[in-house]
Amino acid sequence: MTVTLDQIQAPIAAEMEEFEKKFRQSMQTRQLLLDKIMGYIVKRKGKQIRPMFVFFTAKISGGDPLPEATFRGAALIELLHTATLVHDDVVDESNYRRGFFSINALWKNKIAVLVGDYLLSKGLLLSLENDDYELLKIVSNAVKELSEGELLQIEKARRLDITEDVYFDIIRQKTASLIASCCAVGAASAGADKETIERARLFGEKVGMAFQIKDDLFDFGTAEIGKPVGIDIKEKKMTLPLIYALSQADWLTKRRVIYNVKNNDGRKDRVQAVIDFVKQSGGLNYAIKVMERYRDEALQVLRTFPASPSRTSLEQLINYTIEREK
């Protein structure tokens, strides 16, 4: 039987409710246009996976009941992460985010950039006003990694010469660093020692790696779930299933596939040809095995923490993130 997100969340349901109220209040401002946009951002929030990682990790690291610093840590991550997403949509000229119009689609680029800056400064002030220097250091490092990962991907996309090692570097920085920072912030906010914070960070990093590989697998799906099928190929992104398939191909096949990726111009037949090639070359099976390896390593690290309802929920949350259909 599949466990639902509500069931997973049960040990921290009251804290999540409290966090939502606090976060909504922290987003209010006297500037009318800004207040309207903040309201829109709060309304279109997703599954709240990031705060869940913060709260669960704080609890397994000795923060039970949760201290105020944990709520601030979760808010800091949400503020800084939302700022990066708002800026990303401007960079990608994207009009949608999780089925909603993006900020730049509704209010144009100039306002979106300023809103991203506002969220960033709001997060910085939240930490500085409460002397949460350790939390700020962890999250700022994740934002730095995220930017470096994006730039590395852009640089490599031009030449389409990404090796597995480079791919792992990119997703470690782009995706895993954020979930790693959620877990490190949870442990640090609970007053854990350096060794425990590092264990929590490593756990989050491995979950993040599995999560991103799962996301990449959606690109080769048969139904439009989570994101449109073939979107990565259209955007010339080299993901693990394609990298592996190319590494197994002969020179001529490799050249033909890379030509289709480079010159697909959104053409369905060329995108489909790449998808078929990856499936036939065992790229999907290989990526699934790597994803499962990261999941198992994450569970191994998690089981070094004492058994508790929160640890059980974290185990379920890992499985939820790699078994999800969107």
Protein backbone atom coordinates (compact mmCIF):
# COMPACT_ATOMS: atom_id res chain seq x y z
CA MET A 1 0.00 0.00 0.00
CA THR A 2 1.36 3.41 -0.98
CA VAL A 3 1.85 5.82 1.90
CA THR A 4 0.36 9.29 1.28
CA LEU A 5 2.17 12.56 1.98
CA ASP A 6 -0.35 13.33 4.76
CA GLN A 7 0.45 10.03 6.49
CA ILE A 8 4.20 10.67 6.19
CA GLN A 9 3.70 14.17 7.62
CA ALA A 10 1.72 12.94 10.67
CA PRO A 11 4.54 13.28 13.31
CA ILE A 12 5.03 16.96 12.35
CA ALA A 13 1.48 17.90 11.23
CA ALA A 14 1.01 20.46 14.04
CA GLU A 15 4.43 22.03 13.40
CA MET A 16 3.75 22.27 9.64
CA GLU A 17 0.47 24.07 10.33
CA GLU A 18 2.24 26.47 12.68
CA PHE A 19 5.00 27.01 10.12
CA GLU A 20 2.49 27.89 7.39
CA LYS A 21 0.91 30.58 9.58
CA LYS A 22 4.31 32.02 10.53
CA PHE A 23 5.55 31.94 6.96
CA ARG A 24 2.41 33.66 5.65
CA GLN A 25 2.79 36.40 8.26
CA SER A 26 6.49 36.86 7.44
CA MET A 27 5.59 37.44 3.78
CA GLN A 28 3.24 40.35 4.51
CA THR A 29 4.40 43.83 3.56
CA ARG A 30 2.95 47.36 3.48
CA GLN A 31 3.91 47.87 -0.16
CA LEU A 32 0.66 47.04 -2.01
CA LEU A 33 2.07 45.53 -5.23
CA LEU A 34 4.64 43.52 -3.29
CA ASP A 35 2.00 42.28 -0.85
CA LYS A 36 -0.17 41.12 -3.74
CA ILE A 37 2.76 39.20 -5.29
CA MET A 38 3.77 37.69 -1.90
CA GLY A 39 0.17 36.50 -1.45
CA TYR A 40 0.31 34.88 -4.88
CA ILE A 41 3.61 33.12 -4.05
CA VAL A 42 2.25 31.74 -0.74
CA LYS A 43 -0.95 30.54 -2.44
CA ARG A 44 0.84 28.48 -5.12
CA LYS A 45 3.19 26.61 -2.76
CA GLY A 46 3.92 22.99 -3.64
CA LYS A 47 4.06 19.84 -1.50
CA GLN A 48 6.20 21.52 1.22
CA ILE A 49 8.83 18.77 0.98
CA ARG A 50 11.68 21.12 2.00
CA PRO A 51 10.21 22.21 5.37
CA MET A 52 9.38 18.54 6.03
CA PHE A 53 13.05 17.58 5.64
CA VAL A 54 14.03 20.44 7.99
CA PHE A 55 11.53 19.45 10.71
CA PHE A 56 12.12 15.70 10.55
CA THR A 57 15.90 16.09 10.62
CA ALA A 58 15.66 18.50 13.57
CA LYS A 59 13.57 15.94 15.46
CA ILE A 60 15.93 12.99 14.83
CA SER A 61 18.86 15.24 15.85
CA GLY A 62 17.43 15.93 19.29
CA GLY A 63 15.09 18.88 18.61
CA ASP A 64 11.88 17.56 20.11
CA PRO A 65 9.88 19.75 20.72
CA LEU A 66 11.13 21.87 17.84
CA PRO A 67 12.93 25.08 18.84
CA GLU A 68 12.02 28.44 17.21
CA ALA A 69 15.32 28.29 15.28
CA THR A 70 13.98 25.30 13.29
CA PHE A 71 10.97 27.32 12.07
CA ARG A 72 13.28 30.17 11.11
CA GLY A 73 15.62 27.73 9.32
CA ALA A 74 12.72 26.31 7.28
CA ALA A 75 11.54 29.86 6.44
CA LEU A 76 15.07 30.87 5.40
CA ILE A 77 15.29 27.94 2.97
CA GLU A 78 11.84 28.69 1.52
CA LEU A 79 12.67 32.39 1.06
CA LEU A 80 16.06 31.84 -0.58
CA HIS A 81 14.84 28.93 -2.70
CA THR A 82 11.76 30.86 -3.88
CA ALA A 83 14.05 33.78 -4.80
CA THR A 84 16.16 31.48 -6.99
CA LEU A 85 13.03 30.04 -8.67
CA VAL A 86 11.66 33.53 -9.45
CA HIS A 87 15.01 34.48 -10.99
CA ASP A 88 15.20 31.12 -12.84
CA ASP A 89 11.87 31.76 -14.55
CA VAL A 90 13.21 35.09 -15.83
CA VAL A 91 16.43 33.45 -17.10
CA ASP A 92 14.50 30.58 -18.76
CA GLU A 93 11.77 32.92 -20.06
CA SER A 94 9.32 30.48 -18.50
CA ASN A 95 5.65 31.44 -18.20
CA TYR A 96 4.61 28.63 -15.89
CA ARG A 97 5.74 27.16 -12.58
CA ARG A 98 3.91 24.06 -11.24
CA GLY A 99 0.86 24.77 -13.42
CA PHE A 100 0.58 28.40 -12.27
CA PHE A 101 1.67 31.50 -14.16
CA SER A 102 5.20 32.54 -13.18
CA ILE A 103 5.82 35.95 -11.58
CA ASN A 104 7.50 37.25 -14.76
CA ALA A 105 4.53 36.10 -16.89
CA LEU A 106 2.09 38.12 -14.75
CA TRP A 107 4.19 41.10 -13.72
CA LYS A 108 7.05 41.16 -16.27
CA ASN A 109 10.81 40.58 -15.84
CA LYS A 110 11.78 43.81 -14.07
CA ILE A 111 9.32 43.23 -11.23
CA ALA A 112 10.19 39.50 -11.03
CA VAL A 113 13.92 40.28 -10.59
CA LEU A 114 13.13 42.83 -7.86
CA VAL A 115 10.79 40.35 -6.11
CA GLY A 116 13.58 37.74 -6.15
CA ASP A 117 15.95 40.31 -4.62
CA TYR A 118 13.35 41.17 -1.97
CA LEU A 119 12.90 37.50 -0.97
CA LEU A 120 16.67 37.09 -0.78
CA SER A 121 17.10 40.10 1.51
CA LYS A 122 14.12 38.98 3.62
CA GLY A 123 15.84 35.63 4.23
CA LEU A 124 19.17 37.27 5.08
CA LEU A 125 17.52 39.66 7.55
CA LEU A 126 15.51 36.88 9.20
CA SER A 127 18.79 35.10 10.05
CA LEU A 128 20.80 38.18 10.99
CA GLU A 129 18.10 39.60 13.29
CA ASN A 130 18.06 36.31 15.22
CA ASP A 131 21.83 35.61 15.15
CA ASP A 132 21.26 32.41 13.14
CA TYR A 133 24.72 32.64 11.57
CA GLU A 134 25.24 28.87 11.30
CA LEU A 135 21.94 28.43 9.44
CA LEU A 136 22.69 31.37 7.14
CA LYS A 137 26.11 29.92 6.33
CA ILE A 138 24.59 26.52 5.40
CA VAL A 139 21.87 27.98 3.16
CA SER A 140 24.10 30.62 1.52
CA ASN A 141 26.52 27.85 0.60
CA ALA A 142 23.66 25.90 -1.03
CA VAL A 143 22.63 28.95 -3.11
CA LYS A 144 26.27 29.37 -4.24
CA GLU A 145 26.43 25.67 -5.23
CA LEU A 146 23.12 25.94 -7.04
CA SER A 147 24.34 28.88 -9.15
CA GLU A 148 27.62 27.11 -9.96
CA GLY A 149 25.72 23.96 -10.99
CA GLU A 150 23.44 25.94 -13.31
CA LEU A 151 26.40 27.68 -14.95
CA LEU A 152 28.30 24.39 -15.35
CA GLN A 153 25.25 22.86 -17.06
CA ILE A 154 24.89 25.86 -19.42
CA GLU A 155 28.60 25.69 -20.30
CA LYS A 156 28.47 21.95 -21.01
CA ALA A 157 25.13 22.09 -22.89
CA ARG A 158 26.79 24.13 -25.63
CA ARG A 159 29.19 21.30 -26.43
CA LEU A 160 27.06 18.29 -25.38
CA ASP A 161 30.17 16.59 -23.96
CA ILE A 162 28.91 15.78 -20.47
CA THR A 163 30.45 12.68 -18.86
CA GLU A 164 28.81 10.81 -15.97
CA ASP A 165 31.20 12.48 -13.50
CA VAL A 166 30.30 15.97 -14.73
CA TYR A 167 26.58 15.07 -14.66
CA PHE A 168 26.89 13.97 -11.01
CA ASP A 169 28.72 17.23 -10.20
CA ILE A 170 25.91 19.23 -11.82
CA ILE A 171 23.06 17.50 -10.00
CA ARG A 172 24.98 17.48 -6.71
CA GLN A 173 25.21 21.26 -6.96
CA LYS A 174 21.86 22.00 -8.64
CA THR A 175 19.50 19.74 -6.69
CA ALA A 176 21.21 17.72 -3.97
CA SER A 177 22.81 20.79 -2.32
CA LEU A 178 19.35 22.19 -1.50
CA ILE A 179 17.99 19.02 0.16
CA ALA A 180 21.37 18.60 1.90
CA SER A 181 21.04 22.14 3.29
CA CYS A 182 17.48 21.40 4.52
CA CYS A 183 18.79 18.46 6.53
CA ALA A 184 21.89 20.29 7.80
CA VAL A 185 19.72 23.27 8.85
CA GLY A 186 17.35 20.91 10.68
CA ALA A 187 20.21 19.34 12.65
CA ALA A 188 21.99 22.67 13.30
CA SER A 189 18.77 24.38 14.46
CA ALA A 190 18.28 21.58 17.00
CA GLY A 191 21.73 22.32 18.48
CA ALA A 192 23.38 19.16 17.14
CA ASP A 193 27.18 18.78 17.08
CA LYS A 194 29.26 19.15 13.90
CA GLU A 195 29.46 15.39 13.26
CA THR A 196 25.64 15.03 13.43
CA ILE A 197 25.11 18.07 11.17
CA GLU A 198 27.50 16.54 8.60
CA ARG A 199 25.70 13.17 8.77
CA ALA A 200 22.37 14.94 8.22
CA ARG A 201 23.85 16.91 5.30
CA LEU A 202 25.24 13.74 3.69
CA PHE A 203 21.87 12.02 4.08
CA GLY A 204 20.13 14.94 2.34
CA GLU A 205 22.70 15.00 -0.47
CA LYS A 206 22.12 11.34 -1.29
CA VAL A 207 18.33 11.81 -1.23
CA GLY A 208 18.75 14.81 -3.55
CA MET A 209 20.83 12.78 -6.03
CA ALA A 210 18.15 10.05 -6.16
CA PHE A 211 15.42 12.71 -6.46
CA GLN A 212 17.06 14.39 -9.48
CA ILE A 213 17.69 11.11 -11.32
CA LYS A 214 14.00 10.30 -10.82
CA ASP A 215 13.13 13.70 -12.30
CA ASP A 216 15.38 13.00 -15.30
CA LEU A 217 13.63 9.66 -15.87
CA PHE A 218 10.29 11.48 -16.31
CA ASP A 219 11.67 12.87 -19.56
CA PHE A 220 11.50 9.41 -21.11
CA GLY A 221 8.03 8.50 -19.77
CA THR A 222 5.03 7.46 -21.81
CA ALA A 223 2.60 9.90 -20.19
CA GLU A 224 2.92 13.62 -19.54
CA ILE A 225 3.35 13.39 -15.78
CA GLY A 226 5.23 15.91 -13.68
CA LYS A 227 6.72 17.61 -16.71
CA PRO A 228 6.24 17.28 -20.47
CA VAL A 229 7.97 14.22 -21.95
CA GLY A 230 11.14 15.09 -23.88
CA ILE A 231 11.50 18.59 -22.42
CA ASP A 232 15.15 17.98 -21.38
CA ILE A 233 16.01 16.76 -24.87
CA LYS A 234 14.29 19.79 -26.43
CA GLU A 235 16.37 22.01 -24.13
CA LYS A 236 19.54 20.04 -25.04
CA LYS A 237 20.09 18.85 -21.46
CA MET A 238 22.23 15.74 -21.14
CA THR A 239 20.83 13.53 -18.38
CA LEU A 240 22.04 10.18 -17.02
CA PRO A 241 19.90 7.83 -19.22
CA LEU A 242 21.15 9.61 -22.39
CA ILE A 243 24.78 9.88 -21.21
CA TYR A 244 24.89 6.15 -20.46
CA ALA A 245 23.18 5.19 -23.74
CA LEU A 246 25.68 7.30 -25.73
CA SER A 247 28.63 5.72 -23.88
CA GLN A 248 27.45 2.30 -25.13
CA ALA A 249 26.88 3.36 -28.76
CA ASP A 250 29.19 3.10 -31.76
CA TRP A 251 30.65 6.27 -33.30
CA LEU A 252 28.07 6.59 -36.10
CA THR A 253 25.04 6.09 -33.82
CA LYS A 254 26.49 8.53 -31.31
CA ARG A 255 26.93 11.15 -34.05
CA ARG A 256 23.34 10.69 -35.29
CA VAL A 257 21.82 10.93 -31.78
CA ILE A 258 23.87 14.02 -30.86
CA TYR A 259 22.77 15.62 -34.16
CA ASN A 260 19.11 14.98 -33.21
CA VAL A 261 19.64 16.50 -29.74
CA LYS A 262 21.50 19.54 -31.11
CA ASN A 263 19.12 20.23 -33.99
CA ASN A 264 15.78 18.99 -32.69
CA ASP A 265 14.14 22.48 -32.89
CA GLY A 266 11.31 21.02 -30.84
CA ARG A 267 10.49 18.51 -33.62
CA LYS A 268 8.59 15.58 -32.13
CA ASP A 269 10.08 12.97 -34.50
CA ARG A 270 13.68 13.89 -33.58
CA VAL A 271 12.93 14.03 -29.85
CA GLN A 272 11.14 10.65 -30.09
CA ALA A 273 14.11 9.14 -31.96
CA VAL A 274 16.38 10.10 -29.03
CA ILE A 275 13.89 8.69 -26.47
CA ASP A 276 13.64 5.38 -28.42
CA PHE A 277 17.44 5.14 -28.66
CA VAL A 278 17.84 5.62 -24.89
CA LYS A 279 15.19 3.00 -24.10
CA GLN A 280 16.70 0.45 -26.49
CA SER A 281 20.23 1.04 -25.17
CA GLY A 282 19.34 0.26 -21.55
CA GLY A 283 19.74 3.89 -20.44
CA LEU A 284 16.58 3.85 -18.31
CA ASN A 285 17.45 0.63 -16.47
CA TYR A 286 20.94 1.91 -15.76
CA ALA A 287 19.63 5.23 -14.36
CA ILE A 288 17.07 3.40 -12.20
CA LYS A 289 19.86 1.25 -10.69
CA VAL A 290 21.98 4.34 -9.91
CA MET A 291 18.94 6.07 -8.37
CA GLU A 292 18.25 3.03 -6.18
CA ARG A 293 21.91 2.94 -5.11
CA TYR A 294 21.69 6.54 -3.88
CA ARG A 295 18.42 5.74 -2.09
CA ASP A 296 20.03 2.77 -0.31
CA GLU A 297 23.05 4.88 0.69
CA ALA A 298 20.70 7.57 2.06
CA LEU A 299 18.83 4.94 4.12
CA GLN A 300 22.14 3.62 5.44
CA VAL A 301 23.12 7.09 6.73
CA LEU A 302 19.61 7.68 8.12
CA ARG A 303 19.75 4.45 10.14
CA THR A 304 22.74 5.78 12.10
CA PHE A 305 20.20 8.07 13.86
CA PRO A 306 18.07 6.68 16.73
CA ALA A 307 14.80 4.98 15.75
CA SER A 308 11.73 7.25 16.10
CA PRO A 309 8.45 8.09 14.31
CA SER A 310 10.29 10.95 12.55
CA ARG A 311 13.01 8.62 11.28
CA THR A 312 10.32 6.23 9.98
CA SER A 313 8.63 9.15 8.21
CA LEU A 314 11.93 10.16 6.63
CA GLU A 315 12.36 6.61 5.29
CA GLN A 316 8.87 6.83 3.80
CA LEU A 317 9.61 10.30 2.40
CA ILE A 318 12.67 8.96 0.55
CA ASN A 319 10.59 6.20 -1.03
CA TYR A 320 7.83 8.70 -1.82
CA THR A 321 10.24 10.99 -3.68
CA ILE A 322 11.55 8.21 -5.94
CA GLU A 323 8.25 6.39 -6.45
CA ARG A 324 6.26 9.56 -7.22
CA GLU A 325 4.47 9.88 -10.53
CA LYS A 326 4.88 13.67 -10.81
